[in-house]
Amino acid sequence: MITIALSKGRIFEETVPLLAASGITLSEDPETSRKLILATNKPDVRVILVRASDVPTYVQYGAADVGVAGRDLLAEHGGQGLYQPLDLGIAKCRMVVAVREGFDYARAVRQGARVRVATKYIGTAREHFAAKGVHVDLIKLYGSMELAPLVGLADAIVDLVDTGHTLRANKLIAVEDILPVSAHLIVNPASLKLKRETLAPLIEAFGKAARG
């Protein structure tokens, strides 16, 4: 049995065509089904639905053989115990530092003052600012990141940006890019050894589908 870990939302929607191109279709619509384990048209392939941030963990520990996860989560996870053969080129966005309009970010950074940064990407943010020699107080948040600078909780946020509409609507501006983000195929190394006959063609099919 091959188990594929996916998360609902944009990555799932953009992965479905890649699955189809690989000859895999789901037996149920995850939007209408309450099941967390979905069968496919292949008796030896199933899909499990997990929280996006948990996909790397499920694959790392072998609860799933393969998964699809954003580069942002892989950077935060560290990538330990994962084989990452493919950048699928889907769910593209970028991780940025953003501040409220009118905040002099360049001055705050240049003066070496401590900057308060709200984010759920604590590890990535810490590395980014450490590389710049900037002292930061990191505040862990899980959602509504744009609110933090508006109510004085933080001077800046580190978050993902796609169109930038949400930033503009809340009078925030991106002042620094940290990294481009897209979804990657990740594989459990032990699974690849033990199930190579099944997994290798699947990885190849994903690669061909991603290249178009």
C-alpha atoms as a PDB file:
ATOM      1  CA  MET A   1       0.000   0.000   0.000  1.00  0.00           C
ATOM      2  CA  ILE A   2       1.233   3.483  -0.948  1.00  0.00           C
ATOM      3  CA  THR A   3      -0.006   6.300   1.274  1.00  0.00           C
ATOM      4  CA  ILE A   4       0.029   9.890  -0.017  1.00  0.00           C
ATOM      5  CA  ALA A   5      -0.303  12.716   2.524  1.00  0.00           C
ATOM      6  CA  LEU A   6      -2.067  15.869   1.331  1.00  0.00           C
ATOM      7  CA  SER A   7      -3.623  18.893   2.979  1.00  0.00           C
ATOM      8  CA  LYS A   8      -6.916  20.492   1.999  1.00  0.00           C
ATOM      9  CA  GLY A   9      -6.885  23.828   0.239  1.00  0.00           C
ATOM     10  CA  ARG A  10      -4.792  25.206  -2.578  1.00  0.00           C
ATOM     11  CA  ILE A  11      -2.112  22.501  -2.539  1.00  0.00           C
ATOM     12  CA  PHE A  12      -4.749  19.765  -2.680  1.00  0.00           C
ATOM     13  CA  GLU A  13      -6.612  21.439  -5.549  1.00  0.00           C
ATOM     14  CA  GLU A  14      -3.428  21.896  -7.573  1.00  0.00           C
ATOM     15  CA  THR A  15      -2.168  18.379  -6.776  1.00  0.00           C
ATOM     16  CA  VAL A  16      -5.329  16.620  -8.036  1.00  0.00           C
ATOM     17  CA  PRO A  17      -4.458  17.219 -11.727  1.00  0.00           C
ATOM     18  CA  LEU A  18      -0.967  15.818 -11.096  1.00  0.00           C
ATOM     19  CA  LEU A  19      -2.499  12.742  -9.503  1.00  0.00           C
ATOM     20  CA  ALA A  20      -4.837  12.362 -12.470  1.00  0.00           C
ATOM     21  CA  ALA A  21      -1.921  12.664 -14.892  1.00  0.00           C
ATOM     22  CA  SER A  22      -0.260   9.912 -12.866  1.00  0.00           C
ATOM     23  CA  GLY A  23      -3.338   7.736 -13.319  1.00  0.00           C
ATOM     24  CA  ILE A  24      -4.688   8.241  -9.802  1.00  0.00           C
ATOM     25  CA  THR A  25      -8.205   9.488  -9.062  1.00  0.00           C
ATOM     26  CA  LEU A  26      -9.933   9.790  -5.698  1.00  0.00           C
ATOM     27  CA  SER A  27     -13.021   7.727  -4.949  1.00  0.00           C
ATOM     28  CA  GLU A  28     -14.588  10.588  -2.960  1.00  0.00           C
ATOM     29  CA  ASP A  29     -14.583  14.376  -2.888  1.00  0.00           C
ATOM     30  CA  PRO A  30     -12.768  15.509   0.284  1.00  0.00           C
ATOM     31  CA  GLU A  31     -14.925  18.633   0.400  1.00  0.00           C
ATOM     32  CA  THR A  32     -18.083  16.579   0.911  1.00  0.00           C
ATOM     33  CA  SER A  33     -16.631  13.550   2.681  1.00  0.00           C
ATOM     34  CA  ARG A  34     -15.706  13.587   6.358  1.00  0.00           C
ATOM     35  CA  LYS A  35     -13.218  10.778   5.882  1.00  0.00           C
ATOM     36  CA  LEU A  36      -9.536  11.435   6.508  1.00  0.00           C
ATOM     37  CA  ILE A  37      -8.415   8.361   4.551  1.00  0.00           C
ATOM     38  CA  LEU A  38      -9.601   8.316   0.943  1.00  0.00           C
ATOM     39  CA  ALA A  39      -9.419   5.364  -1.402  1.00  0.00           C
ATOM     40  CA  THR A  40      -8.374   5.824  -5.029  1.00  0.00           C
ATOM     41  CA  ASN A  41      -8.989   3.980  -8.282  1.00  0.00           C
ATOM     42  CA  LYS A  42      -5.838   1.994  -7.498  1.00  0.00           C
ATOM     43  CA  PRO A  43      -6.329  -0.600  -4.738  1.00  0.00           C
ATOM     44  CA  ASP A  44      -2.737  -0.156  -3.549  1.00  0.00           C
ATOM     45  CA  VAL A  45      -2.822   3.669  -3.299  1.00  0.00           C
ATOM     46  CA  ARG A  46      -4.654   5.762  -0.715  1.00  0.00           C
ATOM     47  CA  VAL A  47      -4.659   9.441   0.238  1.00  0.00           C
ATOM     48  CA  ILE A  48      -4.693  10.745   3.807  1.00  0.00           C
ATOM     49  CA  LEU A  49      -5.778  14.283   4.639  1.00  0.00           C
ATOM     50  CA  VAL A  50      -3.739  16.040   7.321  1.00  0.00           C
ATOM     51  CA  ARG A  51      -2.994  19.576   8.439  1.00  0.00           C
ATOM     52  CA  ALA A  52      -0.533  21.244   6.037  1.00  0.00           C
ATOM     53  CA  SER A  53       2.103  21.729   8.716  1.00  0.00           C
ATOM     54  CA  ASP A  54       1.888  18.016   9.623  1.00  0.00           C
ATOM     55  CA  VAL A  55       2.556  16.613   6.129  1.00  0.00           C
ATOM     56  CA  PRO A  56       6.383  16.554   6.553  1.00  0.00           C
ATOM     57  CA  THR A  57       6.020  14.816   9.933  1.00  0.00           C
ATOM     58  CA  TYR A  58       3.735  12.084   8.565  1.00  0.00           C
ATOM     59  CA  VAL A  59       6.201  11.404   5.765  1.00  0.00           C
ATOM     60  CA  GLN A  60       9.296  11.641   7.979  1.00  0.00           C
ATOM     61  CA  TYR A  61       7.997   8.979  10.366  1.00  0.00           C
ATOM     62  CA  GLY A  62       6.657   6.692   7.634  1.00  0.00           C
ATOM     63  CA  ALA A  63       2.939   7.111   8.336  1.00  0.00           C
ATOM     64  CA  ALA A  64       2.831   8.286   4.720  1.00  0.00           C
ATOM     65  CA  ASP A  65       5.174   7.202   1.945  1.00  0.00           C
ATOM     66  CA  VAL A  66       4.950  10.444  -0.011  1.00  0.00           C
ATOM     67  CA  GLY A  67       3.400  13.859   0.469  1.00  0.00           C
ATOM     68  CA  VAL A  68       3.114  17.321  -1.011  1.00  0.00           C
ATOM     69  CA  ALA A  69       4.251  20.240   1.155  1.00  0.00           C
ATOM     70  CA  GLY A  70       5.122  23.883   0.629  1.00  0.00           C
ATOM     71  CA  ARG A  71       8.726  24.997   0.751  1.00  0.00           C
ATOM     72  CA  ASP A  72       7.784  27.284   3.645  1.00  0.00           C
ATOM     73  CA  LEU A  73       6.814  24.310   5.803  1.00  0.00           C
ATOM     74  CA  LEU A  74       9.823  22.277   4.700  1.00  0.00           C
ATOM     75  CA  ALA A  75      12.136  25.144   5.629  1.00  0.00           C
ATOM     76  CA  GLU A  76      10.508  25.370   9.058  1.00  0.00           C
ATOM     77  CA  HIS A  77      10.549  21.587   9.501  1.00  0.00           C
ATOM     78  CA  GLY A  78      14.200  21.428   8.510  1.00  0.00           C
ATOM     79  CA  GLY A  79      13.718  18.601   6.015  1.00  0.00           C
ATOM     80  CA  GLN A  80      15.177  15.953   8.328  1.00  0.00           C
ATOM     81  CA  GLY A  81      14.367  12.413   7.268  1.00  0.00           C
ATOM     82  CA  LEU A  82      12.883  13.488   3.961  1.00  0.00           C
ATOM     83  CA  TYR A  83      13.843  12.926   0.324  1.00  0.00           C
ATOM     84  CA  GLN A  84      12.731  15.879  -1.795  1.00  0.00           C
ATOM     85  CA  PRO A  85      12.995  14.814  -5.444  1.00  0.00           C
ATOM     86  CA  LEU A  86      10.681  17.345  -7.080  1.00  0.00           C
ATOM     87  CA  ASP A  87       9.657  20.972  -7.000  1.00  0.00           C
ATOM     88  CA  LEU A  88       6.152  20.584  -8.409  1.00  0.00           C
ATOM     89  CA  GLY A  89       5.893  24.261  -9.314  1.00  0.00           C
ATOM     90  CA  ILE A  90       2.384  24.578  -7.871  1.00  0.00           C
ATOM     91  CA  ALA A  91       0.892  26.735  -5.088  1.00  0.00           C
ATOM     92  CA  LYS A  92       3.470  29.431  -5.799  1.00  0.00           C
ATOM     93  CA  CYS A  93       3.827  32.420  -3.513  1.00  0.00           C
ATOM     94  CA  ARG A  94       6.609  34.086  -1.516  1.00  0.00           C
ATOM     95  CA  MET A  95       7.569  34.544   2.095  1.00  0.00           C
ATOM     96  CA  VAL A  96       8.088  38.198   3.005  1.00  0.00           C
ATOM     97  CA  VAL A  97       8.667  40.645   5.807  1.00  0.00           C
ATOM     98  CA  ALA A  98       5.790  43.135   5.916  1.00  0.00           C
ATOM     99  CA  VAL A  99       5.148  46.245   8.012  1.00  0.00           C
ATOM    100  CA  ARG A 100       2.391  48.818   8.305  1.00  0.00           C
ATOM    101  CA  GLU A 101       2.496  51.732   5.886  1.00  0.00           C
ATOM    102  CA  GLY A 102       4.654  54.546   7.234  1.00  0.00           C
ATOM    103  CA  PHE A 103       6.814  52.359   9.470  1.00  0.00           C
ATOM    104  CA  ASP A 104      10.507  53.074   8.793  1.00  0.00           C
ATOM    105  CA  TYR A 105      11.710  49.476   8.620  1.00  0.00           C
ATOM    106  CA  ALA A 106      15.095  50.351   7.123  1.00  0.00           C
ATOM    107  CA  ARG A 107      15.815  52.737   9.978  1.00  0.00           C
ATOM    108  CA  ALA A 108      14.687  50.271  12.639  1.00  0.00           C
ATOM    109  CA  VAL A 109      16.941  47.585  11.205  1.00  0.00           C
ATOM    110  CA  ARG A 110      19.885  49.905  10.618  1.00  0.00           C
ATOM    111  CA  GLN A 111      19.858  51.265  14.153  1.00  0.00           C
ATOM    112  CA  GLY A 112      20.153  47.765  15.551  1.00  0.00           C
ATOM    113  CA  ALA A 113      17.140  48.202  17.813  1.00  0.00           C
ATOM    114  CA  ARG A 114      15.169  45.119  18.743  1.00  0.00           C
ATOM    115  CA  VAL A 115      12.377  44.495  16.261  1.00  0.00           C
ATOM    116  CA  ARG A 116       9.252  42.604  17.261  1.00  0.00           C
ATOM    117  CA  VAL A 117       8.187  40.168  14.567  1.00  0.00           C
ATOM    118  CA  ALA A 118       4.978  38.110  14.545  1.00  0.00           C
ATOM    119  CA  THR A 119       4.950  34.890  12.531  1.00  0.00           C
ATOM    120  CA  LYS A 120       4.193  31.196  12.562  1.00  0.00           C
ATOM    121  CA  TYR A 121       7.535  30.597  10.815  1.00  0.00           C
ATOM    122  CA  ILE A 122       9.673  31.060  13.917  1.00  0.00           C
ATOM    123  CA  GLY A 123      12.714  29.091  12.735  1.00  0.00           C
ATOM    124  CA  THR A 124      12.870  30.652   9.276  1.00  0.00           C
ATOM    125  CA  ALA A 125      12.373  34.168  10.649  1.00  0.00           C
ATOM    126  CA  ARG A 126      15.067  33.646  13.277  1.00  0.00           C
ATOM    127  CA  GLU A 127      17.581  32.514  10.632  1.00  0.00           C
ATOM    128  CA  HIS A 128      16.680  35.381   8.296  1.00  0.00           C
ATOM    129  CA  PHE A 129      17.179  38.134  10.849  1.00  0.00           C
ATOM    130  CA  ALA A 130      20.235  36.503  12.413  1.00  0.00           C
ATOM    131  CA  ALA A 131      21.906  36.491   8.998  1.00  0.00           C
ATOM    132  CA  LYS A 132      21.272  40.238   8.807  1.00  0.00           C
ATOM    133  CA  GLY A 133      22.578  40.829  12.328  1.00  0.00           C
ATOM    134  CA  VAL A 134      19.194  42.129  13.459  1.00  0.00           C
ATOM    135  CA  HIS A 135      17.979  41.520  17.011  1.00  0.00           C
ATOM    136  CA  VAL A 136      14.397  40.283  17.033  1.00  0.00           C
ATOM    137  CA  ASP A 137      11.748  39.294  19.528  1.00  0.00           C
ATOM    138  CA  LEU A 138       9.673  36.622  17.799  1.00  0.00           C
ATOM    139  CA  ILE A 139       5.976  36.287  18.601  1.00  0.00           C
ATOM    140  CA  LYS A 140       4.280  33.040  17.556  1.00  0.00           C
ATOM    141  CA  LEU A 141       0.891  33.512  15.897  1.00  0.00           C
ATOM    142  CA  TYR A 142      -1.199  31.039  13.911  1.00  0.00           C
ATOM    143  CA  GLY A 143      -3.502  33.315  11.937  1.00  0.00           C
ATOM    144  CA  SER A 144      -4.686  36.857  11.172  1.00  0.00           C
ATOM    145  CA  MET A 145      -1.026  37.831  10.977  1.00  0.00           C
ATOM    146  CA  GLU A 146      -1.816  41.199   9.385  1.00  0.00           C
ATOM    147  CA  LEU A 147      -3.504  42.350  12.576  1.00  0.00           C
ATOM    148  CA  ALA A 148      -0.324  42.265  14.669  1.00  0.00           C
ATOM    149  CA  PRO A 149       1.324  45.488  13.361  1.00  0.00           C
ATOM    150  CA  LEU A 150      -2.019  47.316  13.288  1.00  0.00           C
ATOM    151  CA  VAL A 151      -2.675  46.896  17.020  1.00  0.00           C
ATOM    152  CA  GLY A 152       0.927  47.300  18.168  1.00  0.00           C
ATOM    153  CA  LEU A 153       1.632  43.648  18.944  1.00  0.00           C
ATOM    154  CA  ALA A 154       4.553  43.600  16.493  1.00  0.00           C
ATOM    155  CA  ASP A 155       6.592  45.933  14.307  1.00  0.00           C
ATOM    156  CA  ALA A 156       6.636  43.472  11.412  1.00  0.00           C
ATOM    157  CA  ILE A 157       5.287  40.119  10.293  1.00  0.00           C
ATOM    158  CA  VAL A 158       6.812  37.251   8.350  1.00  0.00           C
ATOM    159  CA  ASP A 159       4.159  35.564   6.259  1.00  0.00           C
ATOM    160  CA  LEU A 160       3.260  34.205   2.827  1.00  0.00           C
ATOM    161  CA  VAL A 161       2.027  36.555   0.136  1.00  0.00           C
ATOM    162  CA  ASP A 162       0.348  35.578  -3.108  1.00  0.00           C
ATOM    163  CA  THR A 163      -1.420  38.521  -4.748  1.00  0.00           C
ATOM    164  CA  GLY A 164      -0.733  41.007  -1.957  1.00  0.00           C
ATOM    165  CA  HIS A 165      -4.415  41.992  -1.770  1.00  0.00           C
ATOM    166  CA  THR A 166      -4.699  41.175   1.940  1.00  0.00           C
ATOM    167  CA  LEU A 167      -1.625  43.245   2.786  1.00  0.00           C
ATOM    168  CA  ARG A 168      -2.926  46.245   0.859  1.00  0.00           C
ATOM    169  CA  ALA A 169      -6.399  45.919   2.349  1.00  0.00           C
ATOM    170  CA  ASN A 170      -4.850  46.180   5.812  1.00  0.00           C
ATOM    171  CA  LYS A 171      -2.441  48.991   4.863  1.00  0.00           C
ATOM    172  CA  LEU A 172       0.657  46.830   5.062  1.00  0.00           C
ATOM    173  CA  ILE A 173       3.566  46.675   2.633  1.00  0.00           C
ATOM    174  CA  ALA A 174       6.139  43.977   1.910  1.00  0.00           C
ATOM    175  CA  VAL A 175       9.619  45.337   2.608  1.00  0.00           C
ATOM    176  CA  GLU A 176      11.754  42.240   2.140  1.00  0.00           C
ATOM    177  CA  ASP A 177      11.536  38.899   0.359  1.00  0.00           C
ATOM    178  CA  ILE A 178      12.797  35.894   2.333  1.00  0.00           C
ATOM    179  CA  LEU A 179      12.239  33.050  -0.104  1.00  0.00           C
ATOM    180  CA  PRO A 180      10.102  31.983  -3.065  1.00  0.00           C
ATOM    181  CA  VAL A 181       7.653  29.242  -2.139  1.00  0.00           C
ATOM    182  CA  SER A 182       6.124  26.398  -4.139  1.00  0.00           C
ATOM    183  CA  ALA A 183       4.966  22.883  -3.299  1.00  0.00           C
ATOM    184  CA  HIS A 184       7.450  20.001  -3.306  1.00  0.00           C
ATOM    185  CA  LEU A 185       6.984  16.258  -3.516  1.00  0.00           C
ATOM    186  CA  ILE A 186       8.525  14.644  -0.445  1.00  0.00           C
ATOM    187  CA  VAL A 187       9.279  10.958   0.070  1.00  0.00           C
ATOM    188  CA  ASN A 188      10.145   8.796   3.049  1.00  0.00           C
ATOM    189  CA  PRO A 189      13.647   7.369   2.301  1.00  0.00           C
ATOM    190  CA  ALA A 190      12.839   3.956   3.815  1.00  0.00           C
ATOM    191  CA  SER A 191       9.677   3.722   1.727  1.00  0.00           C
ATOM    192  CA  LEU A 192      11.680   4.515  -1.390  1.00  0.00           C
ATOM    193  CA  LYS A 193      13.990   1.576  -0.655  1.00  0.00           C
ATOM    194  CA  LEU A 194      11.281  -0.901   0.296  1.00  0.00           C
ATOM    195  CA  LYS A 195       8.663   0.142  -2.272  1.00  0.00           C
ATOM    196  CA  ARG A 196      10.884   1.359  -5.103  1.00  0.00           C
ATOM    197  CA  GLU A 197       9.031  -0.616  -7.787  1.00  0.00           C
ATOM    198  CA  THR A 198       5.843   1.270  -7.017  1.00  0.00           C
ATOM    199  CA  LEU A 199       7.194   4.632  -5.899  1.00  0.00           C
ATOM    200  CA  ALA A 200       9.775   5.255  -8.642  1.00  0.00           C
ATOM    201  CA  PRO A 201       7.163   5.244 -11.459  1.00  0.00           C
ATOM    202  CA  LEU A 202       4.894   7.447  -9.336  1.00  0.00           C
ATOM    203  CA  ILE A 203       7.663   9.990  -8.772  1.00  0.00           C
ATOM    204  CA  GLU A 204       8.500   9.929 -12.479  1.00  0.00           C
ATOM    205  CA  ALA A 205       4.849  10.425 -13.414  1.00  0.00           C
ATOM    206  CA  PHE A 206       4.585  13.382 -11.019  1.00  0.00           C
ATOM    207  CA  GLY A 207       7.695  14.888 -12.572  1.00  0.00           C
ATOM    208  CA  LYS A 208       6.331  14.589 -16.103  1.00  0.00           C
ATOM    209  CA  ALA A 209       2.980  16.053 -15.058  1.00  0.00           C
ATOM    210  CA  ALA A 210       4.645  18.955 -13.246  1.00  0.00           C
ATOM    211  CA  ARG A 211       6.771  19.758 -16.293  1.00  0.00           C
ATOM    212  CA  GLY A 212       3.603  19.873 -18.325  1.00  0.00           C
END
